[in-house]
N, C-alpha and C. Protein backbone atom coordinates (compact mmCIF):
# COMPACT_ATOMS: atom_id res chain seq x y z
N UNK A 1 9.81 8.16 -15.35
CA UNK A 1 8.40 7.95 -15.66
C UNK A 1 7.65 9.26 -15.54
N UNK A 2 6.81 9.63 -16.52
CA UNK A 2 6.05 10.88 -16.42
C UNK A 2 5.11 10.84 -15.23
N UNK A 3 4.79 12.03 -14.71
CA UNK A 3 3.82 12.13 -13.64
C UNK A 3 2.48 11.60 -14.13
N UNK A 4 1.93 10.53 -13.53
CA UNK A 4 0.72 9.93 -14.06
C UNK A 4 -0.51 10.80 -13.85
N UNK A 5 -1.29 10.98 -14.90
CA UNK A 5 -2.54 11.73 -14.79
C UNK A 5 -3.61 10.81 -14.23
N UNK A 6 -4.25 11.26 -13.16
CA UNK A 6 -5.22 10.38 -12.51
C UNK A 6 -6.49 10.19 -13.32
N UNK A 7 -6.69 10.99 -14.38
CA UNK A 7 -7.93 10.84 -15.14
C UNK A 7 -7.81 9.81 -16.25
N UNK A 8 -6.63 9.27 -16.49
CA UNK A 8 -6.43 8.32 -17.59
C UNK A 8 -7.08 6.99 -17.24
N UNK A 9 -8.16 6.59 -17.92
CA UNK A 9 -8.84 5.34 -17.56
C UNK A 9 -8.01 4.10 -17.82
N UNK A 10 -6.98 4.23 -18.65
CA UNK A 10 -6.14 3.08 -18.96
C UNK A 10 -4.87 3.02 -18.11
N UNK A 11 -4.67 4.01 -17.24
CA UNK A 11 -3.49 4.00 -16.39
C UNK A 11 -3.55 2.80 -15.45
N UNK A 12 -2.47 2.03 -15.41
CA UNK A 12 -2.37 0.89 -14.50
C UNK A 12 -1.56 1.32 -13.29
N UNK A 13 -2.08 0.97 -12.13
CA UNK A 13 -1.43 1.29 -10.86
C UNK A 13 -1.07 -0.01 -10.15
N UNK A 14 -0.03 0.01 -9.34
CA UNK A 14 0.23 -1.08 -8.41
C UNK A 14 0.09 -0.51 -7.00
N UNK A 15 -0.73 -1.16 -6.20
CA UNK A 15 -0.91 -0.77 -4.80
C UNK A 15 -0.30 -1.87 -3.94
N UNK A 16 0.56 -1.50 -3.01
CA UNK A 16 1.27 -2.50 -2.21
C UNK A 16 1.14 -2.19 -0.72
N UNK A 17 1.35 -3.23 0.09
CA UNK A 17 1.28 -3.08 1.54
C UNK A 17 2.11 -4.19 2.18
N UNK A 18 2.59 -3.92 3.38
CA UNK A 18 3.33 -4.93 4.14
C UNK A 18 2.73 -5.07 5.53
N UNK A 19 2.90 -6.25 6.10
CA UNK A 19 2.75 -6.44 7.54
C UNK A 19 4.12 -6.87 8.05
N UNK A 20 4.49 -6.42 9.24
CA UNK A 20 5.87 -6.56 9.70
C UNK A 20 5.94 -7.10 11.12
N UNK A 21 7.16 -7.51 11.51
CA UNK A 21 7.34 -8.06 12.85
C UNK A 21 7.34 -6.99 13.93
N UNK A 22 7.50 -5.75 13.52
CA UNK A 22 7.54 -4.64 14.47
C UNK A 22 7.20 -3.36 13.72
N UNK A 23 7.01 -2.29 14.46
CA UNK A 23 6.79 -0.99 13.83
C UNK A 23 8.10 -0.22 13.69
N UNK A 24 9.24 -0.85 14.04
CA UNK A 24 10.53 -0.16 14.04
C UNK A 24 11.53 -0.92 13.19
N UNK A 25 11.75 -0.45 11.97
CA UNK A 25 12.69 -1.11 11.06
C UNK A 25 14.13 -0.93 11.52
N UNK A 26 14.42 0.06 12.34
CA UNK A 26 15.79 0.34 12.74
C UNK A 26 16.39 -0.78 13.58
N UNK A 27 15.56 -1.65 14.12
CA UNK A 27 16.04 -2.76 14.93
C UNK A 27 16.23 -4.03 14.12
N UNK A 28 16.25 -3.91 12.80
CA UNK A 28 16.44 -5.09 11.96
C UNK A 28 15.21 -5.96 11.85
N UNK A 29 14.03 -5.40 12.09
CA UNK A 29 12.81 -6.18 12.01
C UNK A 29 12.49 -6.53 10.56
N UNK A 30 11.56 -7.45 10.35
CA UNK A 30 11.35 -8.03 9.03
C UNK A 30 9.92 -7.85 8.54
N UNK A 31 9.78 -8.02 7.24
CA UNK A 31 8.46 -8.07 6.60
C UNK A 31 7.89 -9.47 6.79
N UNK A 32 6.67 -9.55 7.28
CA UNK A 32 5.99 -10.84 7.43
C UNK A 32 5.22 -11.18 6.16
N UNK A 33 4.44 -10.24 5.66
CA UNK A 33 3.72 -10.43 4.40
C UNK A 33 3.91 -9.21 3.52
N UNK A 34 3.99 -9.48 2.22
CA UNK A 34 4.10 -8.44 1.20
C UNK A 34 3.02 -8.71 0.16
N UNK A 35 2.14 -7.76 -0.03
CA UNK A 35 1.03 -7.94 -0.96
C UNK A 35 0.98 -6.78 -1.94
N UNK A 36 0.42 -7.05 -3.11
CA UNK A 36 0.26 -6.00 -4.11
C UNK A 36 -0.88 -6.37 -5.04
N UNK A 37 -1.54 -5.36 -5.56
CA UNK A 37 -2.53 -5.57 -6.62
C UNK A 37 -2.20 -4.64 -7.77
N UNK A 38 -2.51 -5.09 -8.96
CA UNK A 38 -2.31 -4.31 -10.18
C UNK A 38 -3.70 -4.02 -10.73
N UNK A 39 -4.00 -2.75 -10.97
CA UNK A 39 -5.37 -2.40 -11.34
C UNK A 39 -5.43 -1.08 -12.10
N UNK A 40 -6.50 -0.92 -12.87
CA UNK A 40 -6.89 0.38 -13.39
C UNK A 40 -8.02 0.89 -12.50
N UNK A 41 -8.58 2.04 -12.82
CA UNK A 41 -9.72 2.51 -12.04
C UNK A 41 -10.93 1.60 -12.20
N UNK A 42 -10.99 0.83 -13.29
CA UNK A 42 -12.19 0.04 -13.55
C UNK A 42 -12.07 -1.43 -13.20
N UNK A 43 -10.86 -1.95 -13.06
CA UNK A 43 -10.76 -3.39 -12.79
C UNK A 43 -9.42 -3.75 -12.17
N UNK A 44 -9.45 -4.83 -11.38
CA UNK A 44 -8.23 -5.42 -10.85
C UNK A 44 -7.68 -6.39 -11.88
N UNK A 45 -6.40 -6.28 -12.16
CA UNK A 45 -5.77 -7.08 -13.21
C UNK A 45 -5.06 -8.29 -12.63
N UNK A 46 -4.36 -8.11 -11.52
CA UNK A 46 -3.55 -9.20 -10.96
C UNK A 46 -3.28 -8.89 -9.49
N UNK A 47 -2.88 -9.91 -8.75
CA UNK A 47 -2.54 -9.71 -7.34
C UNK A 47 -1.36 -10.59 -6.96
N UNK A 48 -0.71 -10.20 -5.89
CA UNK A 48 0.47 -10.92 -5.38
C UNK A 48 0.37 -10.93 -3.86
N UNK A 49 0.57 -12.10 -3.27
CA UNK A 49 0.56 -12.20 -1.81
C UNK A 49 1.68 -13.14 -1.40
N UNK A 50 2.66 -12.62 -0.66
CA UNK A 50 3.84 -13.38 -0.29
C UNK A 50 4.01 -13.39 1.22
N UNK A 51 4.29 -14.56 1.77
CA UNK A 51 4.60 -14.70 3.19
C UNK A 51 6.10 -14.97 3.29
N UNK A 52 6.80 -14.12 4.00
CA UNK A 52 8.25 -14.16 4.01
C UNK A 52 8.80 -14.91 5.22
N UNK A 53 9.94 -15.55 5.01
CA UNK A 53 10.68 -16.18 6.09
C UNK A 53 11.35 -15.09 6.91
N UNK A 54 10.95 -14.96 8.16
CA UNK A 54 11.51 -13.91 9.02
C UNK A 54 12.76 -14.38 9.76
N UNK A 55 13.20 -15.58 9.46
CA UNK A 55 14.45 -16.12 9.99
C UNK A 55 14.48 -16.07 11.52
N UNK A 56 13.39 -16.52 12.10
CA UNK A 56 13.34 -16.64 13.56
C UNK A 56 12.86 -15.41 14.29
N UNK A 57 12.68 -14.32 13.59
CA UNK A 57 12.15 -13.12 14.26
C UNK A 57 10.64 -13.24 14.39
N UNK A 58 10.17 -13.10 15.61
CA UNK A 58 8.73 -13.18 15.86
C UNK A 58 8.15 -11.77 15.99
N UNK A 59 6.89 -11.67 15.70
CA UNK A 59 6.24 -10.36 15.75
C UNK A 59 6.13 -9.87 17.19
N UNK A 60 6.36 -8.59 17.36
CA UNK A 60 6.19 -7.97 18.67
C UNK A 60 4.71 -8.03 19.06
N UNK A 61 4.40 -7.96 20.35
CA UNK A 61 2.99 -7.96 20.75
C UNK A 61 2.18 -6.87 20.05
N UNK A 62 2.79 -5.70 19.85
CA UNK A 62 2.09 -4.59 19.20
C UNK A 62 1.78 -4.92 17.74
N UNK A 63 2.77 -5.48 17.03
CA UNK A 63 2.55 -5.84 15.62
C UNK A 63 1.58 -7.01 15.50
N UNK A 64 1.72 -8.00 16.40
CA UNK A 64 0.84 -9.16 16.35
C UNK A 64 -0.61 -8.77 16.59
N UNK A 65 -0.83 -7.78 17.44
CA UNK A 65 -2.20 -7.32 17.68
C UNK A 65 -2.81 -6.71 16.42
N UNK A 66 -1.97 -6.18 15.53
CA UNK A 66 -2.46 -5.57 14.30
C UNK A 66 -2.78 -6.62 13.25
N UNK A 67 -1.82 -7.53 12.98
CA UNK A 67 -2.02 -8.46 11.85
C UNK A 67 -2.39 -9.88 12.25
N UNK A 68 -2.11 -10.28 13.49
CA UNK A 68 -2.48 -11.60 14.01
C UNK A 68 -1.90 -12.75 13.18
N UNK A 69 -0.76 -12.54 12.56
CA UNK A 69 -0.11 -13.59 11.78
C UNK A 69 0.90 -14.30 12.67
N UNK A 70 0.70 -15.58 12.88
CA UNK A 70 1.65 -16.38 13.65
C UNK A 70 2.61 -17.05 12.68
N UNK A 71 3.89 -16.82 12.90
CA UNK A 71 4.91 -17.30 11.97
C UNK A 71 4.82 -18.80 11.76
N UNK A 72 4.49 -19.54 12.80
CA UNK A 72 4.52 -21.01 12.71
C UNK A 72 3.44 -21.58 11.80
N UNK A 73 2.37 -20.83 11.56
CA UNK A 73 1.26 -21.42 10.79
C UNK A 73 1.17 -20.84 9.38
N UNK A 74 2.29 -20.40 8.83
CA UNK A 74 2.29 -19.86 7.48
C UNK A 74 3.34 -20.55 6.62
N UNK A 75 3.11 -20.54 5.33
CA UNK A 75 4.11 -21.03 4.38
C UNK A 75 4.97 -19.86 3.96
N UNK A 76 6.26 -19.97 4.19
CA UNK A 76 7.15 -18.84 3.98
C UNK A 76 8.06 -19.08 2.78
N UNK A 77 8.51 -17.98 2.19
CA UNK A 77 9.53 -18.05 1.15
C UNK A 77 10.68 -17.14 1.58
N UNK A 78 11.89 -17.42 1.10
CA UNK A 78 13.02 -16.57 1.48
C UNK A 78 12.79 -15.12 1.08
N UNK A 79 13.31 -14.22 1.90
CA UNK A 79 13.13 -12.80 1.66
C UNK A 79 13.61 -12.39 0.27
N UNK A 80 14.77 -12.90 -0.14
CA UNK A 80 15.32 -12.54 -1.45
C UNK A 80 14.39 -12.99 -2.57
N UNK A 81 13.79 -14.18 -2.43
CA UNK A 81 12.86 -14.66 -3.46
C UNK A 81 11.64 -13.76 -3.55
N UNK A 82 11.15 -13.31 -2.40
CA UNK A 82 9.98 -12.42 -2.39
C UNK A 82 10.30 -11.11 -3.12
N UNK A 83 11.46 -10.56 -2.85
CA UNK A 83 11.85 -9.31 -3.51
C UNK A 83 11.97 -9.50 -5.02
N UNK A 84 12.50 -10.65 -5.41
CA UNK A 84 12.67 -10.91 -6.85
C UNK A 84 11.33 -11.15 -7.54
N UNK A 85 10.32 -11.55 -6.81
CA UNK A 85 8.97 -11.65 -7.39
C UNK A 85 8.29 -10.28 -7.44
N UNK A 86 8.56 -9.48 -6.43
CA UNK A 86 7.92 -8.17 -6.34
C UNK A 86 8.42 -7.22 -7.43
N UNK A 87 9.70 -7.27 -7.73
CA UNK A 87 10.28 -6.34 -8.72
C UNK A 87 9.57 -6.41 -10.07
N UNK A 88 9.45 -7.60 -10.69
CA UNK A 88 8.78 -7.63 -12.00
C UNK A 88 7.28 -7.40 -11.91
N UNK A 89 6.68 -7.70 -10.76
CA UNK A 89 5.24 -7.45 -10.61
C UNK A 89 4.98 -5.95 -10.74
N UNK A 90 5.81 -5.15 -10.12
CA UNK A 90 5.64 -3.69 -10.20
C UNK A 90 6.12 -3.16 -11.54
N UNK A 91 7.25 -3.66 -12.02
CA UNK A 91 7.81 -3.16 -13.27
C UNK A 91 8.06 -1.66 -13.20
N UNK A 92 7.62 -0.94 -14.21
CA UNK A 92 7.79 0.52 -14.26
C UNK A 92 6.50 1.27 -13.93
N UNK A 93 5.54 0.58 -13.33
CA UNK A 93 4.26 1.21 -13.03
C UNK A 93 4.35 2.09 -11.78
N UNK A 94 3.50 3.10 -11.67
CA UNK A 94 3.46 3.89 -10.43
C UNK A 94 3.02 2.99 -9.27
N UNK A 95 3.69 3.16 -8.14
CA UNK A 95 3.50 2.29 -6.99
C UNK A 95 2.88 3.09 -5.85
N UNK A 96 1.72 2.65 -5.39
CA UNK A 96 0.95 3.37 -4.38
C UNK A 96 1.04 2.64 -3.04
N UNK A 97 1.31 3.40 -1.99
CA UNK A 97 1.24 2.90 -0.61
C UNK A 97 0.38 3.86 0.21
N UNK A 98 -0.11 3.36 1.34
CA UNK A 98 -0.69 4.25 2.34
C UNK A 98 0.34 4.37 3.45
N UNK A 99 0.88 5.58 3.63
CA UNK A 99 2.02 5.84 4.51
C UNK A 99 3.27 5.15 3.95
N UNK A 100 3.65 5.58 2.76
CA UNK A 100 4.76 4.97 2.02
C UNK A 100 6.07 4.90 2.78
N UNK A 101 6.46 5.91 3.58
CA UNK A 101 7.74 5.80 4.27
C UNK A 101 7.86 4.56 5.14
N UNK A 102 6.75 4.11 5.72
CA UNK A 102 6.80 2.91 6.57
C UNK A 102 7.12 1.68 5.73
N UNK A 103 6.31 1.40 4.71
CA UNK A 103 6.52 0.21 3.90
C UNK A 103 7.85 0.27 3.15
N UNK A 104 8.17 1.44 2.60
CA UNK A 104 9.42 1.57 1.86
C UNK A 104 10.63 1.46 2.77
N UNK A 105 10.49 1.85 4.02
CA UNK A 105 11.59 1.68 4.97
C UNK A 105 11.93 0.21 5.15
N UNK A 106 10.91 -0.62 5.31
CA UNK A 106 11.14 -2.06 5.46
C UNK A 106 11.64 -2.68 4.16
N UNK A 107 11.10 -2.25 3.03
CA UNK A 107 11.56 -2.78 1.75
C UNK A 107 13.00 -2.37 1.48
N UNK A 108 13.34 -1.13 1.72
CA UNK A 108 14.70 -0.65 1.51
C UNK A 108 15.69 -1.45 2.36
N UNK A 109 15.30 -1.73 3.60
CA UNK A 109 16.15 -2.50 4.50
C UNK A 109 16.33 -3.93 3.98
N UNK A 110 15.24 -4.52 3.47
CA UNK A 110 15.31 -5.89 2.95
C UNK A 110 16.19 -5.96 1.70
N UNK A 111 16.03 -5.01 0.80
CA UNK A 111 16.87 -4.99 -0.40
C UNK A 111 18.35 -4.87 -0.03
N UNK A 112 18.66 -3.99 0.91
CA UNK A 112 20.05 -3.80 1.32
C UNK A 112 20.61 -5.06 1.97
N UNK A 113 19.79 -5.72 2.80
CA UNK A 113 20.24 -6.92 3.49
C UNK A 113 20.57 -8.03 2.51
N UNK A 114 19.82 -8.11 1.41
CA UNK A 114 20.02 -9.19 0.44
C UNK A 114 20.95 -8.80 -0.71
N UNK A 115 21.44 -7.57 -0.70
CA UNK A 115 22.34 -7.15 -1.76
C UNK A 115 21.68 -7.06 -3.12
N UNK A 116 20.39 -6.75 -3.12
CA UNK A 116 19.63 -6.60 -4.37
C UNK A 116 19.35 -5.12 -4.59
N UNK A 117 19.60 -4.66 -5.80
CA UNK A 117 19.35 -3.25 -6.11
C UNK A 117 17.85 -2.98 -6.11
N UNK A 118 17.43 -1.99 -5.34
CA UNK A 118 16.02 -1.62 -5.31
C UNK A 118 15.72 -0.67 -6.46
N UNK A 119 14.74 -0.99 -7.28
CA UNK A 119 14.39 -0.07 -8.37
C UNK A 119 13.99 1.30 -7.84
N UNK A 120 14.22 2.32 -8.63
CA UNK A 120 13.80 3.67 -8.22
C UNK A 120 12.36 3.90 -8.66
N UNK A 121 11.47 3.14 -8.02
CA UNK A 121 10.05 3.24 -8.34
C UNK A 121 9.55 4.66 -8.12
N UNK A 122 8.49 5.00 -8.83
CA UNK A 122 7.81 6.27 -8.64
C UNK A 122 6.64 6.04 -7.68
N UNK A 123 6.74 6.62 -6.49
CA UNK A 123 5.83 6.31 -5.39
C UNK A 123 4.76 7.38 -5.25
N UNK A 124 3.53 6.92 -5.04
CA UNK A 124 2.42 7.79 -4.67
C UNK A 124 1.96 7.37 -3.28
N UNK A 125 1.84 8.33 -2.39
CA UNK A 125 1.45 8.05 -1.01
C UNK A 125 0.06 8.62 -0.77
N UNK A 126 -0.90 7.75 -0.45
CA UNK A 126 -2.26 8.24 -0.23
C UNK A 126 -2.37 9.09 1.04
N UNK A 127 -1.41 8.98 1.95
CA UNK A 127 -1.39 9.90 3.09
C UNK A 127 -1.12 11.32 2.60
N UNK A 128 -0.12 11.46 1.73
CA UNK A 128 0.20 12.77 1.16
C UNK A 128 -0.98 13.31 0.37
N UNK A 129 -1.59 12.44 -0.43
CA UNK A 129 -2.73 12.87 -1.26
C UNK A 129 -3.92 13.27 -0.39
N UNK A 130 -4.14 12.54 0.71
CA UNK A 130 -5.24 12.88 1.61
C UNK A 130 -5.03 14.25 2.25
N UNK A 131 -3.79 14.54 2.62
CA UNK A 131 -3.51 15.84 3.24
C UNK A 131 -3.72 16.99 2.26
N UNK A 132 -3.49 16.73 0.98
CA UNK A 132 -3.74 17.76 -0.03
C UNK A 132 -5.23 18.00 -0.21
N UNK A 133 -5.99 16.91 -0.22
CA UNK A 133 -7.42 17.00 -0.53
C UNK A 133 -8.27 17.31 0.69
N UNK A 134 -7.82 16.83 1.87
CA UNK A 134 -8.62 16.95 3.09
C UNK A 134 -7.78 17.55 4.20
N UNK A 135 -7.33 18.78 4.05
CA UNK A 135 -6.46 19.39 5.07
C UNK A 135 -7.15 19.43 6.43
N UNK A 136 -6.39 19.04 7.44
CA UNK A 136 -6.91 19.06 8.80
C UNK A 136 -7.59 17.78 9.22
N UNK A 137 -7.86 16.86 8.28
CA UNK A 137 -8.52 15.61 8.60
C UNK A 137 -7.48 14.51 8.82
N UNK A 138 -7.76 13.59 9.71
CA UNK A 138 -6.87 12.45 9.91
C UNK A 138 -6.68 11.70 8.60
N UNK A 139 -5.46 11.28 8.33
CA UNK A 139 -5.18 10.53 7.11
C UNK A 139 -5.04 9.04 7.37
N UNK A 140 -5.52 8.56 8.51
CA UNK A 140 -5.52 7.12 8.75
C UNK A 140 -6.44 6.44 7.75
N UNK A 141 -6.08 5.23 7.35
CA UNK A 141 -6.82 4.55 6.29
C UNK A 141 -8.27 4.31 6.67
N UNK A 142 -8.52 3.90 7.91
CA UNK A 142 -9.90 3.66 8.34
C UNK A 142 -10.73 4.94 8.27
N UNK A 143 -10.14 6.05 8.67
CA UNK A 143 -10.85 7.33 8.65
C UNK A 143 -11.18 7.73 7.22
N UNK A 144 -10.22 7.57 6.33
CA UNK A 144 -10.45 7.91 4.92
C UNK A 144 -11.50 7.00 4.31
N UNK A 145 -11.46 5.72 4.65
CA UNK A 145 -12.46 4.78 4.12
C UNK A 145 -13.87 5.19 4.55
N UNK A 146 -14.01 5.63 5.80
CA UNK A 146 -15.33 6.09 6.26
C UNK A 146 -15.72 7.38 5.55
N UNK A 147 -14.77 8.28 5.40
CA UNK A 147 -15.06 9.55 4.74
C UNK A 147 -15.57 9.33 3.33
N UNK A 148 -14.95 8.40 2.63
CA UNK A 148 -15.32 8.14 1.24
C UNK A 148 -16.37 7.04 1.09
N UNK A 149 -16.94 6.58 2.22
CA UNK A 149 -18.00 5.58 2.20
C UNK A 149 -17.59 4.32 1.42
N UNK A 150 -16.40 3.84 1.73
CA UNK A 150 -15.92 2.63 1.07
C UNK A 150 -16.80 1.46 1.47
N UNK A 151 -17.18 0.67 0.49
CA UNK A 151 -18.10 -0.45 0.70
C UNK A 151 -17.57 -1.42 1.76
N UNK A 152 -18.47 -1.90 2.61
CA UNK A 152 -18.08 -2.82 3.69
C UNK A 152 -17.44 -4.09 3.15
N UNK A 153 -17.85 -4.52 1.97
CA UNK A 153 -17.27 -5.72 1.38
C UNK A 153 -15.80 -5.55 1.08
N UNK A 154 -15.38 -4.34 0.74
CA UNK A 154 -13.97 -4.07 0.51
C UNK A 154 -13.22 -4.01 1.83
N UNK A 155 -13.87 -3.51 2.87
CA UNK A 155 -13.21 -3.36 4.17
C UNK A 155 -12.85 -4.70 4.79
N UNK A 156 -13.56 -5.77 4.45
CA UNK A 156 -13.21 -7.11 4.90
C UNK A 156 -13.14 -7.24 6.40
N UNK A 157 -12.02 -7.81 6.89
CA UNK A 157 -11.87 -8.10 8.32
C UNK A 157 -11.04 -7.04 9.04
N UNK A 158 -10.94 -5.84 8.48
CA UNK A 158 -9.98 -4.87 9.02
C UNK A 158 -10.27 -4.50 10.47
N UNK A 159 -11.51 -4.57 10.90
CA UNK A 159 -11.81 -4.24 12.30
C UNK A 159 -11.14 -5.22 13.25
N UNK A 160 -11.01 -6.49 12.82
CA UNK A 160 -10.41 -7.50 13.68
C UNK A 160 -8.90 -7.59 13.51
N UNK A 161 -8.42 -7.44 12.27
CA UNK A 161 -6.99 -7.58 12.00
C UNK A 161 -6.68 -6.93 10.66
N UNK A 162 -5.42 -6.59 10.47
CA UNK A 162 -4.98 -6.03 9.20
C UNK A 162 -4.42 -7.15 8.33
N UNK A 163 -4.84 -7.17 7.09
CA UNK A 163 -4.33 -8.12 6.10
C UNK A 163 -3.76 -7.30 4.95
N UNK A 164 -2.54 -7.62 4.54
CA UNK A 164 -1.86 -6.78 3.55
C UNK A 164 -2.63 -6.69 2.24
N UNK A 165 -3.21 -7.81 1.79
CA UNK A 165 -3.93 -7.79 0.52
C UNK A 165 -5.24 -7.01 0.65
N UNK A 166 -5.95 -7.20 1.76
CA UNK A 166 -7.16 -6.41 1.99
C UNK A 166 -6.83 -4.92 2.06
N UNK A 167 -5.73 -4.59 2.73
CA UNK A 167 -5.35 -3.19 2.84
C UNK A 167 -5.01 -2.58 1.49
N UNK A 168 -4.44 -3.39 0.59
CA UNK A 168 -4.19 -2.91 -0.77
C UNK A 168 -5.51 -2.52 -1.45
N UNK A 169 -6.51 -3.35 -1.28
CA UNK A 169 -7.80 -3.08 -1.94
C UNK A 169 -8.50 -1.87 -1.31
N UNK A 170 -8.35 -1.71 0.00
CA UNK A 170 -8.93 -0.53 0.64
C UNK A 170 -8.20 0.73 0.16
N UNK A 171 -6.88 0.65 0.10
CA UNK A 171 -6.10 1.80 -0.38
C UNK A 171 -6.46 2.16 -1.81
N UNK A 172 -6.64 1.15 -2.66
CA UNK A 172 -7.04 1.41 -4.04
C UNK A 172 -8.42 2.08 -4.08
N UNK A 173 -9.35 1.60 -3.25
CA UNK A 173 -10.69 2.19 -3.22
C UNK A 173 -10.62 3.65 -2.77
N UNK A 174 -9.78 3.95 -1.79
CA UNK A 174 -9.60 5.33 -1.34
C UNK A 174 -8.98 6.17 -2.44
N UNK A 175 -7.97 5.61 -3.12
CA UNK A 175 -7.31 6.33 -4.22
C UNK A 175 -8.30 6.65 -5.34
N UNK A 176 -9.14 5.69 -5.68
CA UNK A 176 -10.19 5.95 -6.67
C UNK A 176 -11.10 7.08 -6.20
N UNK A 177 -11.55 6.97 -4.95
CA UNK A 177 -12.51 7.94 -4.43
C UNK A 177 -11.91 9.34 -4.38
N UNK A 178 -10.63 9.44 -4.08
CA UNK A 178 -9.97 10.74 -4.04
C UNK A 178 -10.02 11.46 -5.38
N UNK A 179 -10.13 10.68 -6.43
CA UNK A 179 -10.04 11.24 -7.78
C UNK A 179 -11.36 11.22 -8.52
N UNK A 180 -12.46 11.12 -7.75
CA UNK A 180 -13.79 11.15 -8.33
C UNK A 180 -14.54 12.40 -7.86
N UNK A 181 -15.45 12.92 -8.68
CA UNK A 181 -16.22 14.10 -8.28
C UNK A 181 -16.99 13.87 -6.99
N UNK A 182 -17.06 14.91 -6.16
CA UNK A 182 -17.73 14.79 -4.87
C UNK A 182 -19.18 14.32 -5.00
N UNK A 183 -19.88 14.73 -6.06
CA UNK A 183 -21.30 14.39 -6.15
C UNK A 183 -21.52 12.93 -6.54
N UNK A 184 -20.45 12.21 -6.83
CA UNK A 184 -20.59 10.79 -7.14
C UNK A 184 -20.15 9.91 -5.98
N UNK A 185 -19.74 10.53 -4.87
CA UNK A 185 -19.33 9.78 -3.70
C UNK A 185 -20.53 9.57 -2.78
N UNK A 186 -20.42 8.53 -1.91
CA UNK A 186 -21.41 8.41 -0.86
C UNK A 186 -22.33 7.22 -0.95
N UNK A 187 -22.26 6.45 -2.01
CA UNK A 187 -23.17 5.30 -2.14
C UNK A 187 -22.40 4.05 -2.52
N UNK A 188 -21.28 3.84 -1.87
CA UNK A 188 -20.50 2.65 -2.15
C UNK A 188 -19.78 2.70 -3.48
N UNK A 189 -19.62 3.90 -4.05
CA UNK A 189 -18.92 4.09 -5.32
C UNK A 189 -19.47 3.18 -6.41
N UNK A 190 -20.74 3.33 -6.78
CA UNK A 190 -21.31 2.46 -7.82
C UNK A 190 -20.64 2.72 -9.15
N UNK A 191 -20.39 1.66 -9.90
CA UNK A 191 -19.79 1.80 -11.22
C UNK A 191 -18.40 2.39 -11.14
N UNK A 192 -17.98 3.01 -12.21
CA UNK A 192 -16.65 3.61 -12.26
C UNK A 192 -16.76 5.00 -12.88
N UNK A 193 -17.22 6.01 -12.12
CA UNK A 193 -17.36 7.36 -12.67
C UNK A 193 -16.02 7.95 -13.07
N UNK A 194 -16.07 8.96 -13.94
CA UNK A 194 -14.85 9.62 -14.40
C UNK A 194 -14.17 10.35 -13.25
N UNK A 195 -12.86 10.18 -13.08
CA UNK A 195 -12.14 10.91 -12.04
C UNK A 195 -12.01 12.39 -12.37
N UNK A 196 -11.55 13.17 -11.38
CA UNK A 196 -11.28 14.58 -11.61
C UNK A 196 -10.25 14.73 -12.71
N UNK A 197 -10.54 15.54 -13.70
CA UNK A 197 -9.64 15.67 -14.84
C UNK A 197 -8.38 16.46 -14.49
N UNK A 198 -8.46 17.35 -13.53
CA UNK A 198 -7.33 18.24 -13.28
C UNK A 198 -6.33 17.70 -12.26
N UNK A 199 -6.65 16.59 -11.62
CA UNK A 199 -5.83 16.12 -10.51
C UNK A 199 -4.64 15.32 -11.00
N UNK A 200 -3.48 15.64 -10.46
CA UNK A 200 -2.30 14.83 -10.73
C UNK A 200 -1.68 14.43 -9.40
N UNK A 201 -1.08 13.25 -9.40
CA UNK A 201 -0.50 12.75 -8.17
C UNK A 201 0.83 13.40 -7.88
N UNK A 202 1.17 13.50 -6.60
CA UNK A 202 2.52 13.90 -6.19
C UNK A 202 3.38 12.64 -6.18
N UNK A 203 4.33 12.57 -7.10
CA UNK A 203 5.15 11.38 -7.25
C UNK A 203 6.48 11.58 -6.55
N UNK A 204 6.86 10.59 -5.73
CA UNK A 204 8.10 10.63 -4.97
C UNK A 204 9.01 9.51 -5.47
N UNK A 205 10.20 9.80 -5.99
CA UNK A 205 11.12 8.72 -6.36
C UNK A 205 11.48 7.89 -5.14
N UNK A 206 11.56 6.58 -5.30
CA UNK A 206 11.86 5.69 -4.17
C UNK A 206 13.15 6.09 -3.48
N UNK A 207 14.14 6.52 -4.26
CA UNK A 207 15.43 6.89 -3.68
C UNK A 207 15.34 8.11 -2.78
N UNK A 208 14.29 8.91 -2.96
CA UNK A 208 14.12 10.13 -2.16
C UNK A 208 13.11 9.95 -1.04
N UNK A 209 12.65 8.73 -0.81
CA UNK A 209 11.64 8.48 0.20
C UNK A 209 12.17 8.86 1.58
N UNK A 210 11.44 9.66 2.35
CA UNK A 210 11.90 10.04 3.68
C UNK A 210 11.83 8.87 4.66
N UNK A 211 12.32 9.11 5.87
CA UNK A 211 12.30 8.08 6.89
C UNK A 211 10.88 7.75 7.31
N UNK A 212 10.75 6.65 8.03
CA UNK A 212 9.44 6.15 8.47
C UNK A 212 8.66 7.23 9.22
N UNK A 213 7.39 7.31 8.89
CA UNK A 213 6.48 8.26 9.54
C UNK A 213 5.33 7.48 10.14
N UNK A 214 5.13 7.64 11.44
CA UNK A 214 4.04 6.94 12.10
C UNK A 214 2.95 7.88 12.58
N UNK A 215 3.25 9.15 12.77
CA UNK A 215 2.26 10.10 13.28
C UNK A 215 1.46 10.68 12.13
N UNK A 216 0.48 9.92 11.64
CA UNK A 216 -0.32 10.37 10.51
C UNK A 216 -1.78 10.12 10.78
C-alpha cells in the first residue's frame, strides 16, 4: 500500500483500540474488547465493537481499574470470530493505533493462538506521529487531547474509565488535529479545515511491529 498522504480528503482510515485482561501479553493474557472506526477526515463511515470470550481469564486489578469491564456482565463472542470480523473491516486501509505495539502485540498473539494468518496491515502510530510533531512532550492520549483542545463530547467518560470505541474516536480526533494548521486549532476543531499538505505518515508494516511499549 502506498504511503498515505494525510492531505487527501477522500483517504479512509481505520482507527482501532483494545482493552485487555492485563498489560502484559507475554503471560497469555487476552483482549476483552476490540473496537474500530472507519472514517475520513470529514466523517465517520462505520464502527465495530466486539466483546471477546476470554475463556475464563479475568482482568487484573490494574487493567480493571482502567476499563472497568466485568467479564460476567458482557456478551462475548469467540476470539477467532472476532478476528474474522476485524480482518474484512480493516481490509487494505491504513490502520491507526495509539501506542500500536501494545494493541498489535495482543492481536498478534490472538492470531497465532487461533492459527489465523494476520494480514500485513500498514500501521500508523499516533505516539510516533506525536513525537515527530511535538518533541519533548508526553505522547499519552489524554495529554495530546488537551494539547489539541479535543472537544469534551469526544472525550466521553475517559476520566472515569477507558472504552475502546471512545478511545478510537479520541485517537481519530488527535490524528485529525495533528494534520491541521496550527491557526485552526484551539476551538474544538470546528468544521473540517484542510490538513497540512506536506505531512505524510510514518507507516509501519504489521510484520515489522516492535514489541510492546508502555513507557510513552
